Amino acid sequence: MKISPLGDRVVLKSAEVEETTKSGIILTGNSKEKPVYSEVVAVGPGAVVDGKKVPMEVKVGQKVIYSKYAGTEVKFGEDEYTIVKQGDILAVVE
């Protein structure tokens, strides 16, 4: 089974959360921040606005930064994903 997003949605694989701070303090589960840096694992076909197709600007395999509180978190099998709209992606990391 695989996830195939619809419209202008993008499926992101959650990045690993830092377990220690730069100064060496170990963080508990509640202290860890939601990552905003993820890898694109699936891309929808694109949205249609006023009868014109809007192409997707991201591709599978790219690393992206997205809005902190954007998207829907889902667990699929053993992995956790975030599904966001293309507009919630702020930048591509190269």
N, C-alpha and C. Protein backbone atom coordinates (compact mmCIF):
# COMPACT_ATOMS: atom_id res chain seq x y z
N MET A 1 0.83 -1.18 0.00
CA MET A 1 0.00 0.00 0.00
C MET A 1 0.88 1.25 0.00
N LYS A 2 0.36 2.31 -0.63
CA LYS A 2 1.09 3.58 -0.63
C LYS A 2 0.11 4.72 -0.52
N ILE A 3 0.62 5.88 -0.13
CA ILE A 3 -0.21 7.07 0.00
C ILE A 3 -0.09 7.89 -1.28
N SER A 4 -1.22 8.21 -1.89
CA SER A 4 -1.25 9.05 -3.10
C SER A 4 -2.09 10.29 -2.79
N PRO A 5 -1.45 11.44 -2.60
CA PRO A 5 -2.21 12.65 -2.26
C PRO A 5 -3.03 13.16 -3.44
N LEU A 6 -4.09 13.87 -3.14
CA LEU A 6 -4.97 14.45 -4.14
C LEU A 6 -4.71 15.94 -4.26
N GLY A 7 -5.06 16.51 -5.42
CA GLY A 7 -4.94 17.95 -5.62
C GLY A 7 -3.53 18.46 -5.44
N ASP A 8 -3.40 19.56 -4.70
CA ASP A 8 -2.08 20.18 -4.49
C ASP A 8 -1.48 19.79 -3.15
N ARG A 9 -1.76 18.57 -2.72
CA ARG A 9 -1.23 18.11 -1.43
C ARG A 9 0.08 17.36 -1.62
N VAL A 10 0.90 17.38 -0.57
CA VAL A 10 2.21 16.76 -0.58
C VAL A 10 2.35 15.93 0.69
N VAL A 11 2.89 14.71 0.57
CA VAL A 11 3.13 13.86 1.72
C VAL A 11 4.59 14.00 2.11
N LEU A 12 4.83 14.32 3.38
CA LEU A 12 6.18 14.53 3.90
C LEU A 12 6.50 13.47 4.94
N LYS A 13 7.72 12.94 4.89
CA LYS A 13 8.18 12.00 5.91
C LYS A 13 8.82 12.81 7.00
N SER A 14 8.34 12.64 8.20
CA SER A 14 8.82 13.42 9.34
C SER A 14 10.31 13.20 9.57
N ALA A 15 11.01 14.29 9.85
CA ALA A 15 12.42 14.23 10.18
C ALA A 15 12.58 13.74 11.62
N GLU A 16 13.74 13.24 11.93
CA GLU A 16 14.02 12.82 13.29
C GLU A 16 14.09 14.04 14.20
N VAL A 17 13.51 13.94 15.36
CA VAL A 17 13.50 15.03 16.32
C VAL A 17 14.77 14.97 17.16
N GLU A 18 15.38 16.12 17.38
CA GLU A 18 16.58 16.19 18.21
C GLU A 18 16.24 15.75 19.63
N GLU A 19 17.07 14.87 20.19
CA GLU A 19 16.82 14.39 21.54
C GLU A 19 17.67 15.11 22.57
N THR A 20 18.67 15.86 22.11
CA THR A 20 19.48 16.65 23.03
C THR A 20 19.67 18.05 22.44
N THR A 21 19.85 19.02 23.32
CA THR A 21 20.10 20.38 22.86
C THR A 21 21.59 20.51 22.54
N LYS A 22 21.98 21.66 21.97
CA LYS A 22 23.39 21.88 21.66
C LYS A 22 24.25 21.86 22.91
N SER A 23 23.66 22.24 24.05
CA SER A 23 24.43 22.25 25.29
C SER A 23 24.44 20.90 25.99
N GLY A 24 23.76 19.89 25.42
CA GLY A 24 23.80 18.54 25.96
C GLY A 24 22.62 18.15 26.83
N ILE A 25 21.62 19.00 26.96
CA ILE A 25 20.45 18.67 27.78
C ILE A 25 19.57 17.68 27.03
N ILE A 26 19.23 16.57 27.67
CA ILE A 26 18.38 15.56 27.06
C ILE A 26 16.92 15.98 27.19
N LEU A 27 16.20 15.97 26.06
CA LEU A 27 14.80 16.39 26.04
C LEU A 27 13.87 15.20 26.24
N THR A 28 12.81 15.41 27.01
CA THR A 28 11.80 14.37 27.17
C THR A 28 10.83 14.44 26.00
N GLY A 29 9.93 13.48 25.88
CA GLY A 29 8.98 13.43 24.78
C GLY A 29 8.16 14.69 24.63
N ASN A 30 7.73 15.30 25.74
CA ASN A 30 6.89 16.50 25.67
C ASN A 30 7.67 17.75 25.31
N SER A 31 8.99 17.75 25.50
CA SER A 31 9.79 18.94 25.25
C SER A 31 10.26 19.05 23.82
N LYS A 32 10.14 17.98 23.05
CA LYS A 32 10.62 17.99 21.68
C LYS A 32 9.67 18.79 20.80
N GLU A 33 10.24 19.61 19.92
CA GLU A 33 9.42 20.40 19.01
C GLU A 33 9.11 19.61 17.76
N LYS A 34 7.96 19.89 17.17
CA LYS A 34 7.57 19.27 15.91
C LYS A 34 8.57 19.71 14.84
N PRO A 35 9.12 18.78 14.06
CA PRO A 35 10.07 19.18 13.02
C PRO A 35 9.36 19.93 11.89
N VAL A 36 10.05 20.89 11.30
CA VAL A 36 9.49 21.62 10.17
C VAL A 36 10.34 21.37 8.93
N TYR A 37 11.22 20.38 9.02
CA TYR A 37 12.12 20.01 7.94
C TYR A 37 11.84 18.55 7.61
N SER A 38 11.42 18.27 6.39
CA SER A 38 11.03 16.91 6.03
C SER A 38 11.39 16.60 4.58
N GLU A 39 11.25 15.32 4.23
CA GLU A 39 11.50 14.87 2.87
C GLU A 39 10.17 14.60 2.17
N VAL A 40 10.06 15.01 0.93
CA VAL A 40 8.85 14.78 0.13
C VAL A 40 8.85 13.32 -0.31
N VAL A 41 7.76 12.58 0.01
CA VAL A 41 7.66 11.18 -0.39
C VAL A 41 6.58 10.95 -1.44
N ALA A 42 5.64 11.88 -1.59
CA ALA A 42 4.60 11.77 -2.62
C ALA A 42 4.04 13.15 -2.91
N VAL A 43 3.67 13.36 -4.18
CA VAL A 43 3.15 14.65 -4.62
C VAL A 43 1.86 14.42 -5.40
N GLY A 44 0.85 15.25 -5.12
CA GLY A 44 -0.41 15.16 -5.85
C GLY A 44 -0.27 15.67 -7.28
N PRO A 45 -1.33 15.53 -8.08
CA PRO A 45 -1.27 15.94 -9.48
C PRO A 45 -1.31 17.45 -9.70
N GLY A 46 -1.69 18.21 -8.69
CA GLY A 46 -1.78 19.66 -8.82
C GLY A 46 -3.22 20.11 -8.74
N ALA A 47 -3.42 21.37 -8.44
CA ALA A 47 -4.77 21.92 -8.28
C ALA A 47 -5.25 22.51 -9.60
N VAL A 48 -6.56 22.69 -9.70
CA VAL A 48 -7.16 23.37 -10.84
C VAL A 48 -7.81 24.64 -10.32
N VAL A 49 -7.34 25.80 -10.81
CA VAL A 49 -7.86 27.10 -10.38
C VAL A 49 -8.39 27.82 -11.61
N ASP A 50 -9.66 28.20 -11.57
CA ASP A 50 -10.31 28.88 -12.69
C ASP A 50 -10.15 28.12 -14.01
N GLY A 51 -10.22 26.80 -13.94
CA GLY A 51 -10.12 25.97 -15.13
C GLY A 51 -8.72 25.73 -15.63
N LYS A 52 -7.70 26.27 -14.95
CA LYS A 52 -6.31 26.08 -15.37
C LYS A 52 -5.58 25.25 -14.32
N LYS A 53 -4.79 24.30 -14.79
CA LYS A 53 -4.04 23.45 -13.88
C LYS A 53 -2.82 24.19 -13.35
N VAL A 54 -2.65 24.16 -12.02
CA VAL A 54 -1.50 24.77 -11.37
C VAL A 54 -0.49 23.65 -11.11
N PRO A 55 0.69 23.72 -11.74
CA PRO A 55 1.68 22.64 -11.59
C PRO A 55 2.29 22.60 -10.19
N MET A 56 2.73 21.42 -9.81
CA MET A 56 3.40 21.25 -8.51
C MET A 56 4.85 21.73 -8.64
N GLU A 57 5.33 22.41 -7.61
CA GLU A 57 6.68 22.95 -7.64
C GLU A 57 7.69 22.09 -6.90
N VAL A 58 7.22 21.09 -6.17
CA VAL A 58 8.13 20.19 -5.44
C VAL A 58 8.08 18.82 -6.07
N LYS A 59 9.17 18.05 -5.85
CA LYS A 59 9.28 16.71 -6.40
C LYS A 59 9.63 15.73 -5.29
N VAL A 60 9.33 14.48 -5.53
CA VAL A 60 9.66 13.42 -4.58
C VAL A 60 11.18 13.41 -4.37
N GLY A 61 11.60 13.29 -3.12
CA GLY A 61 13.01 13.25 -2.78
C GLY A 61 13.58 14.57 -2.30
N GLN A 62 12.90 15.68 -2.58
CA GLN A 62 13.39 16.98 -2.13
C GLN A 62 13.19 17.13 -0.63
N LYS A 63 14.05 17.91 -0.01
CA LYS A 63 13.92 18.27 1.40
C LYS A 63 13.28 19.65 1.45
N VAL A 64 12.27 19.81 2.31
CA VAL A 64 11.54 21.08 2.37
C VAL A 64 11.36 21.55 3.80
N ILE A 65 11.10 22.84 3.93
CA ILE A 65 10.74 23.47 5.20
C ILE A 65 9.30 23.92 5.04
N TYR A 66 8.45 23.60 6.02
CA TYR A 66 7.04 23.95 5.92
C TYR A 66 6.58 24.66 7.18
N SER A 67 5.40 25.29 7.12
CA SER A 67 4.85 26.02 8.25
C SER A 67 4.73 25.12 9.47
N LYS A 68 5.05 25.65 10.63
CA LYS A 68 5.13 24.87 11.85
C LYS A 68 3.85 24.13 12.22
N TYR A 69 2.70 24.75 12.07
CA TYR A 69 1.44 24.13 12.48
C TYR A 69 0.61 23.67 11.29
N ALA A 70 1.23 23.50 10.15
CA ALA A 70 0.51 23.12 8.93
C ALA A 70 0.32 21.62 8.85
N GLY A 71 -0.69 21.22 8.10
CA GLY A 71 -0.85 19.83 7.72
C GLY A 71 -1.57 18.94 8.71
N THR A 72 -1.71 17.70 8.27
CA THR A 72 -2.35 16.66 9.05
C THR A 72 -1.35 15.54 9.26
N GLU A 73 -1.14 15.16 10.51
CA GLU A 73 -0.21 14.08 10.81
C GLU A 73 -0.95 12.75 10.74
N VAL A 74 -0.35 11.77 10.05
CA VAL A 74 -0.95 10.44 9.93
C VAL A 74 0.12 9.39 10.20
N LYS A 75 -0.32 8.27 10.75
CA LYS A 75 0.58 7.14 10.94
C LYS A 75 0.14 6.08 9.95
N PHE A 76 1.06 5.63 9.12
CA PHE A 76 0.78 4.67 8.07
C PHE A 76 1.79 3.55 8.20
N GLY A 77 1.33 2.40 8.68
CA GLY A 77 2.28 1.33 8.99
C GLY A 77 3.09 1.73 10.20
N GLU A 78 4.39 1.63 10.10
CA GLU A 78 5.29 2.00 11.20
C GLU A 78 5.77 3.45 11.09
N ASP A 79 5.51 4.10 9.98
CA ASP A 79 6.03 5.44 9.73
C ASP A 79 4.99 6.52 9.99
N GLU A 80 5.48 7.72 10.31
CA GLU A 80 4.61 8.88 10.51
C GLU A 80 4.85 9.87 9.38
N TYR A 81 3.76 10.41 8.85
CA TYR A 81 3.81 11.35 7.74
C TYR A 81 3.01 12.59 8.09
N THR A 82 3.29 13.67 7.37
CA THR A 82 2.50 14.89 7.45
C THR A 82 2.03 15.21 6.04
N ILE A 83 0.73 15.45 5.89
CA ILE A 83 0.18 15.81 4.58
C ILE A 83 -0.14 17.30 4.62
N VAL A 84 0.50 18.06 3.72
CA VAL A 84 0.33 19.51 3.68
C VAL A 84 -0.07 19.95 2.28
N LYS A 85 -0.65 21.14 2.18
CA LYS A 85 -0.91 21.74 0.88
C LYS A 85 0.41 22.34 0.38
N GLN A 86 0.55 22.42 -0.93
CA GLN A 86 1.77 22.98 -1.50
C GLN A 86 2.04 24.39 -0.98
N GLY A 87 0.99 25.17 -0.72
CA GLY A 87 1.15 26.53 -0.23
C GLY A 87 1.74 26.64 1.17
N ASP A 88 1.70 25.52 1.93
CA ASP A 88 2.27 25.51 3.28
C ASP A 88 3.77 25.25 3.27
N ILE A 89 4.31 24.88 2.11
CA ILE A 89 5.76 24.65 1.99
C ILE A 89 6.42 26.00 1.76
N LEU A 90 7.38 26.31 2.61
CA LEU A 90 8.03 27.62 2.58
C LEU A 90 9.28 27.66 1.73
N ALA A 91 10.05 26.54 1.70
CA ALA A 91 11.31 26.55 0.98
C ALA A 91 11.76 25.12 0.67
N VAL A 92 12.58 25.00 -0.38
CA VAL A 92 13.22 23.74 -0.71
C VAL A 92 14.67 23.86 -0.27
N VAL A 93 15.17 22.85 0.44
CA VAL A 93 16.55 22.87 0.94
C VAL A 93 17.42 22.09 -0.03
N GLU A 94 18.48 22.71 -0.53
CA GLU A 94 19.38 22.06 -1.47
C GLU A 94 20.74 21.88 -0.87
